[in-house]
């Protein structure tokens, strides 16, 4: 069985794994992500690559930002602002001497689910990663839809309010961001909804604290989860009106709790029941199969698809 080296470049850590062509993990580890220069980042990747010299036939890379996977160019790098119009694929090939395939991290997560995960048996679906924002990627005819500028599936920017949106952003950016789906259908949105109902600051809250309150029967926690579910389901309904997908797979740390997918499913059922003349089908709502390993697995699949 052939072996490959996969990288998942995140804002805090670079995760890496020596993998089999079936997606199995042979060895893995992580190092801090350089916050300063592209040269530093490439040097760290090269060092890991040399650690496994002679053991892999190609290199798969998951990274944030707007990435042209076919050309191997990272037009942006998300929080890694030093990445701009960088031919990452070519630069790594020169350093490691192996074929390299680079793709956006959310699209890698969706590619993993489309390969052997929660979307494997549907032609058309989507992955929603509920974290700081609403990460997303679309699967059409079993393939990741890249979009005209390689940014399809950036669902954080779905508007929840239309009237006065330009004015909101120009006068007060905070008011403008309130109109984006990311502020509601995300782990951040769930915590903010809870903090608002409790009358406490959202800063410092995390998912563990929220679900401890939920498990303790706090009515504010139950109400916040219901708010989150309603906003998430409403956004899915809007996306569904355009794409008519068969299934949405929910990921992100909070998706480990079954209540998250349950409330989204319940609220989506309520919307469809309330709008009986809806012209498009109701999708399934499921949890992603792969958690923290999804980006590595999906990056490997992009590499194998190229081969």
Protein backbone atom coordinates (compact mmCIF):
# COMPACT_ATOMS: atom_id res chain seq x y z
CA UNK A 1 0.00 0.00 0.00
CA UNK A 2 1.32 3.42 -0.94
CA UNK A 3 1.92 6.00 1.78
CA UNK A 4 1.43 9.77 1.78
CA UNK A 5 2.30 12.70 4.02
CA UNK A 6 -0.60 14.99 4.94
CA UNK A 7 -0.55 18.42 6.59
CA UNK A 8 -3.40 20.35 8.20
CA UNK A 9 -2.23 23.94 8.63
CA UNK A 10 -4.33 25.64 11.27
CA UNK A 11 -4.13 29.03 12.93
CA UNK A 12 -2.48 27.54 16.03
CA UNK A 13 -0.99 24.17 15.04
CA UNK A 14 0.21 22.28 11.99
CA UNK A 15 -1.09 18.74 12.31
CA UNK A 16 0.61 16.11 10.19
CA UNK A 17 0.24 12.40 9.50
CA UNK A 18 1.85 9.62 7.53
CA UNK A 19 -1.15 7.94 5.94
CA UNK A 20 -2.03 4.92 3.88
CA UNK A 21 -3.86 5.37 0.59
CA UNK A 22 -7.01 4.08 2.28
CA UNK A 23 -7.00 7.02 4.70
CA UNK A 24 -5.48 5.10 7.61
CA UNK A 25 -3.13 6.86 10.03
CA UNK A 26 0.31 5.32 10.45
CA UNK A 27 1.99 8.12 12.44
CA UNK A 28 0.87 11.59 13.44
CA UNK A 29 1.90 14.68 15.38
CA UNK A 30 1.66 18.45 15.53
CA UNK A 31 3.86 21.53 15.82
CA UNK A 32 3.01 25.21 16.37
CA UNK A 33 2.04 27.17 13.26
CA UNK A 34 4.47 30.02 12.51
CA UNK A 35 2.75 33.37 12.85
CA UNK A 36 5.42 35.44 11.13
CA UNK A 37 6.55 34.51 7.59
CA UNK A 38 5.88 32.18 4.69
CA UNK A 39 9.52 31.13 4.72
CA UNK A 40 9.18 30.00 8.33
CA UNK A 41 6.05 28.00 7.49
CA UNK A 42 7.66 26.30 4.49
CA UNK A 43 10.75 25.53 6.54
CA UNK A 44 8.72 23.76 9.22
CA UNK A 45 6.82 21.73 6.60
CA UNK A 46 10.10 20.79 4.93
CA UNK A 47 11.58 19.67 8.24
CA UNK A 48 8.62 17.36 8.88
CA UNK A 49 8.87 16.07 5.32
CA UNK A 50 12.54 15.21 5.76
CA UNK A 51 11.69 13.39 8.97
CA UNK A 52 9.72 10.90 6.84
CA UNK A 53 12.04 10.95 3.80
CA UNK A 54 11.60 7.88 1.60
CA UNK A 55 8.34 6.87 3.26
CA UNK A 56 5.78 8.74 1.17
CA UNK A 57 4.83 9.16 -2.49
CA UNK A 58 3.08 12.53 -2.32
CA UNK A 59 2.05 15.39 -0.05
CA UNK A 60 -1.49 16.53 0.79
CA UNK A 61 -2.08 19.94 2.36
CA UNK A 62 -5.18 21.37 4.05
CA UNK A 63 -5.00 25.08 4.83
CA UNK A 64 -7.24 28.08 5.51
CA UNK A 65 -8.02 30.70 2.90
CA UNK A 66 -9.09 30.93 -0.71
CA UNK A 67 -7.19 28.20 -2.50
CA UNK A 68 -7.03 27.29 -6.19
CA UNK A 69 -6.51 23.57 -5.76
CA UNK A 70 -5.96 22.84 -9.44
CA UNK A 71 -3.15 25.40 -9.70
CA UNK A 72 -1.80 24.96 -6.16
CA UNK A 73 -2.11 28.67 -5.39
CA UNK A 74 -3.23 30.09 -2.04
CA UNK A 75 -4.72 33.49 -2.88
CA UNK A 76 -5.28 34.10 0.84
CA UNK A 77 -4.42 32.23 4.02
CA UNK A 78 -7.21 33.04 6.43
CA UNK A 79 -5.74 34.14 9.75
CA UNK A 80 -2.25 33.57 8.33
CA UNK A 81 -2.16 36.99 6.69
CA UNK A 82 1.37 36.53 5.36
CA UNK A 83 -0.01 34.07 2.81
CA UNK A 84 -1.10 35.97 -0.28
CA UNK A 85 -1.02 34.85 -3.92
CA UNK A 86 1.43 32.12 -2.89
CA UNK A 87 2.13 29.09 -5.15
CA UNK A 88 2.24 26.81 -2.13
CA UNK A 89 2.02 23.61 -4.15
CA UNK A 90 4.98 24.47 -6.35
CA UNK A 91 7.09 25.74 -3.46
CA UNK A 92 6.56 22.54 -1.47
CA UNK A 93 7.23 20.34 -4.48
CA UNK A 94 10.58 22.06 -4.92
CA UNK A 95 11.48 21.49 -1.27
CA UNK A 96 10.20 17.93 -0.87
CA UNK A 97 10.60 16.51 -4.36
CA UNK A 98 7.16 14.92 -4.35
CA UNK A 99 3.77 15.78 -5.93
CA UNK A 100 1.79 18.19 -3.74
CA UNK A 101 -1.94 18.96 -3.64
CA UNK A 102 -3.25 21.94 -1.66
CA UNK A 103 -6.89 22.63 -0.72
CA UNK A 104 -9.01 24.80 1.58
CA UNK A 105 -9.58 23.26 5.01
CA UNK A 106 -13.40 23.29 4.95
CA UNK A 107 -13.37 21.73 1.50
CA UNK A 108 -10.99 19.08 2.82
CA UNK A 109 -13.42 18.31 5.66
CA UNK A 110 -16.25 17.92 3.14
CA UNK A 111 -14.06 15.77 0.90
CA UNK A 112 -13.44 13.40 3.81
CA UNK A 113 -17.16 13.12 4.47
CA UNK A 114 -17.87 12.62 0.76
CA UNK A 115 -15.24 9.88 0.55
CA UNK A 116 -16.06 7.51 3.39
CA UNK A 117 -18.03 9.66 5.83
CA UNK A 118 -21.50 11.05 6.37
CA UNK A 119 -21.97 12.14 2.74
CA UNK A 120 -20.52 9.06 1.05
CA UNK A 121 -23.88 7.73 -0.13
CA UNK A 122 -25.42 11.01 -1.36
CA UNK A 123 -24.61 12.80 -4.61
CA UNK A 124 -25.38 16.30 -3.34
CA UNK A 125 -24.79 17.56 0.18
CA UNK A 126 -23.00 20.03 2.40
CA UNK A 127 -20.78 20.13 5.45
CA UNK A 128 -21.33 22.83 8.08
CA UNK A 129 -18.48 23.27 10.56
CA UNK A 130 -19.84 25.16 13.56
CA UNK A 131 -16.94 26.89 15.26
CA UNK A 132 -15.93 30.52 15.57
CA UNK A 133 -17.91 31.05 12.37
CA UNK A 134 -19.92 28.83 10.06
CA UNK A 135 -17.42 26.95 7.93
CA UNK A 136 -18.89 25.24 4.94
CA UNK A 137 -18.36 23.33 1.75
CA UNK A 138 -20.73 22.04 -0.92
CA UNK A 139 -20.69 18.61 -2.56
CA UNK A 140 -22.31 18.38 -6.01
CA UNK A 141 -22.39 15.10 -7.91
CA UNK A 142 -19.97 13.61 -5.35
CA UNK A 143 -17.39 16.35 -6.01
CA UNK A 144 -16.43 19.44 -4.01
CA UNK A 145 -17.83 22.56 -5.65
CA UNK A 146 -15.00 25.09 -5.76
CA UNK A 147 -16.85 28.09 -7.19
CA UNK A 148 -15.77 30.75 -9.65
CA UNK A 149 -13.19 32.26 -7.26
CA UNK A 150 -12.59 29.04 -5.27
CA UNK A 151 -14.76 30.29 -2.39
CA UNK A 152 -18.00 28.31 -2.77
CA UNK A 153 -19.47 27.32 0.57
CA UNK A 154 -18.34 30.35 2.60
CA UNK A 155 -21.62 30.20 4.48
CA UNK A 156 -20.52 32.48 7.31
CA UNK A 157 -21.50 35.37 5.03
CA UNK A 158 -25.08 34.27 4.49
CA UNK A 159 -27.23 37.27 5.42
CA UNK A 160 -29.88 37.00 8.09
CA UNK A 161 -31.08 40.57 7.49
CA UNK A 162 -31.21 42.47 4.22
CA UNK A 163 -32.63 45.90 4.94
CA UNK A 164 -29.97 48.50 5.67
CA UNK A 165 -27.09 46.04 5.48
CA UNK A 166 -24.73 48.43 3.66
CA UNK A 167 -25.44 51.22 6.08
CA UNK A 168 -24.96 48.90 9.06
CA UNK A 169 -21.45 47.98 7.97
CA UNK A 170 -20.43 51.50 7.02
CA UNK A 171 -21.64 53.07 10.27
CA UNK A 172 -20.92 50.32 12.78
CA UNK A 173 -19.19 47.12 11.75
CA UNK A 174 -20.51 45.31 14.82
CA UNK A 175 -24.10 45.99 13.73
CA UNK A 176 -23.23 44.70 10.28
CA UNK A 177 -21.71 41.49 11.57
CA UNK A 178 -24.88 40.86 13.56
CA UNK A 179 -26.60 40.32 10.21
CA UNK A 180 -24.27 37.49 9.19
CA UNK A 181 -25.21 33.84 9.74
CA UNK A 182 -21.83 33.22 11.42
CA UNK A 183 -23.00 35.22 14.44
CA UNK A 184 -25.89 32.85 15.03
CA UNK A 185 -25.27 29.42 13.46
CA UNK A 186 -21.94 28.74 15.16
CA UNK A 187 -20.46 27.75 18.49
CA UNK A 188 -19.79 31.45 19.04
CA UNK A 189 -23.42 32.27 18.28
CA UNK A 190 -24.65 29.64 20.73
CA UNK A 191 -22.47 31.04 23.52
CA UNK A 192 -23.51 34.61 22.74
CA UNK A 193 -27.18 33.64 22.85
CA UNK A 194 -26.65 31.99 26.24
CA UNK A 195 -24.69 34.95 27.63
CA UNK A 196 -27.38 37.38 26.47
CA UNK A 197 -30.09 35.42 28.25
CA UNK A 198 -27.99 35.16 31.41
CA UNK A 199 -26.97 38.80 31.29
CA UNK A 200 -23.27 37.92 31.48
CA UNK A 201 -20.28 38.59 29.16
CA UNK A 202 -19.74 36.02 26.45
CA UNK A 203 -15.96 36.39 26.70
CA UNK A 204 -14.43 33.44 28.50
CA UNK A 205 -17.37 31.09 27.96
CA UNK A 206 -16.75 27.80 26.19
CA UNK A 207 -18.79 24.85 25.02
CA UNK A 208 -18.00 22.76 28.08
CA UNK A 209 -19.38 25.45 30.38
CA UNK A 210 -22.48 25.86 28.24
CA UNK A 211 -23.34 22.15 28.17
CA UNK A 212 -22.65 21.84 31.89
CA UNK A 213 -25.34 24.50 32.35
CA UNK A 214 -27.59 22.72 29.88
CA UNK A 215 -27.15 19.37 31.66
CA UNK A 216 -27.92 21.10 34.96
CA UNK A 217 -31.29 22.11 33.53
CA UNK A 218 -30.71 25.85 33.23
CA UNK A 219 -33.67 27.30 31.30
CA UNK A 220 -31.41 29.96 29.76
CA UNK A 221 -29.22 27.24 28.26
CA UNK A 222 -32.20 25.37 26.81
CA UNK A 223 -33.58 28.60 25.34
CA UNK A 224 -30.20 29.53 23.85
CA UNK A 225 -29.91 26.11 22.21
CA UNK A 226 -33.39 26.57 20.75
CA UNK A 227 -32.41 30.01 19.39
CA UNK A 228 -29.28 28.55 17.85
CA UNK A 229 -31.22 25.68 16.31
CA UNK A 230 -33.81 28.01 14.81
CA UNK A 231 -31.19 30.27 13.20
CA UNK A 232 -29.17 27.33 11.89
CA UNK A 233 -32.26 25.66 10.43
CA UNK A 234 -33.40 28.92 8.82
CA UNK A 235 -30.05 29.29 7.07
CA UNK A 236 -30.17 25.70 5.86
CA UNK A 237 -33.66 26.36 4.50
CA UNK A 238 -32.30 29.35 2.57
CA UNK A 239 -29.36 27.41 1.14
CA UNK A 240 -31.71 24.58 0.29
CA UNK A 241 -33.84 26.90 -1.85
CA UNK A 242 -30.80 27.38 -4.11
CA UNK A 243 -29.08 23.99 -4.07
CA UNK A 244 -31.76 21.41 -3.13
CA UNK A 245 -29.24 19.14 -1.39
CA UNK A 246 -29.92 15.71 0.03
CA UNK A 247 -28.03 15.91 3.31
CA UNK A 248 -26.24 18.38 5.58
CA UNK A 249 -23.49 17.01 7.85
CA UNK A 250 -22.81 19.05 10.97
CA UNK A 251 -19.26 19.28 12.32
CA UNK A 252 -17.25 21.33 14.76
CA UNK A 253 -16.56 20.68 18.43
CA UNK A 254 -20.13 21.26 19.61
CA UNK A 255 -21.44 18.64 17.16
CA UNK A 256 -20.14 15.96 19.54
CA UNK A 257 -23.31 16.62 21.54
CA UNK A 258 -26.32 14.92 19.86
CA UNK A 259 -28.54 17.77 21.06
CA UNK A 260 -26.93 20.01 18.42
CA UNK A 261 -28.02 18.04 15.37
CA UNK A 262 -31.28 17.14 17.11
CA UNK A 263 -32.32 20.78 17.62
CA UNK A 264 -31.39 21.72 14.05
CA UNK A 265 -33.46 18.82 12.74
CA UNK A 266 -36.41 19.72 14.95
CA UNK A 267 -36.37 23.39 13.96
CA UNK A 268 -36.03 22.52 10.27
CA UNK A 269 -39.07 20.25 10.58
CA UNK A 270 -40.97 23.17 12.12
CA UNK A 271 -40.07 25.48 9.23
CA UNK A 272 -41.20 22.96 6.61
CA UNK A 273 -44.43 22.34 8.52
CA UNK A 274 -45.08 26.09 8.74
CA UNK A 275 -44.44 26.69 5.02
CA UNK A 276 -46.44 23.92 3.31
CA UNK A 277 -45.98 25.40 -0.16
CA UNK A 278 -42.18 24.99 -0.02
CA UNK A 279 -41.06 23.99 -3.51
CA UNK A 280 -37.91 22.07 -2.58
CA UNK A 281 -37.26 18.92 -0.61
CA UNK A 282 -36.28 18.66 3.04
CA UNK A 283 -32.70 17.42 3.55
CA UNK A 284 -31.41 15.03 6.16
CA UNK A 285 -29.46 16.51 9.07
CA UNK A 286 -26.67 14.28 10.40
CA UNK A 287 -23.43 14.59 12.30
CA UNK A 288 -20.08 14.46 10.52
CA UNK A 289 -18.26 11.15 10.87
CA UNK A 290 -14.76 12.58 11.12
CA UNK A 291 -13.80 15.13 13.73
CA UNK A 292 -10.30 16.53 14.06
CA UNK A 293 -8.98 14.12 11.43
CA UNK A 294 -11.32 15.29 8.66
CA UNK A 295 -8.98 17.86 7.11
CA UNK A 296 -6.11 15.39 6.82
CA UNK A 297 -8.32 12.67 5.33
CA UNK A 298 -9.94 15.07 2.86
CA UNK A 299 -6.59 16.54 1.82
CA UNK A 300 -5.36 13.02 1.06
CA UNK A 301 -8.41 12.38 -1.07
CA UNK A 302 -7.72 15.56 -3.09
CA UNK A 303 -4.20 14.25 -3.72
CA UNK A 304 -5.44 10.82 -4.78
CA UNK A 305 -8.06 12.39 -7.05
CA UNK A 306 -5.30 14.35 -8.79
CA UNK A 307 -3.31 11.16 -9.30
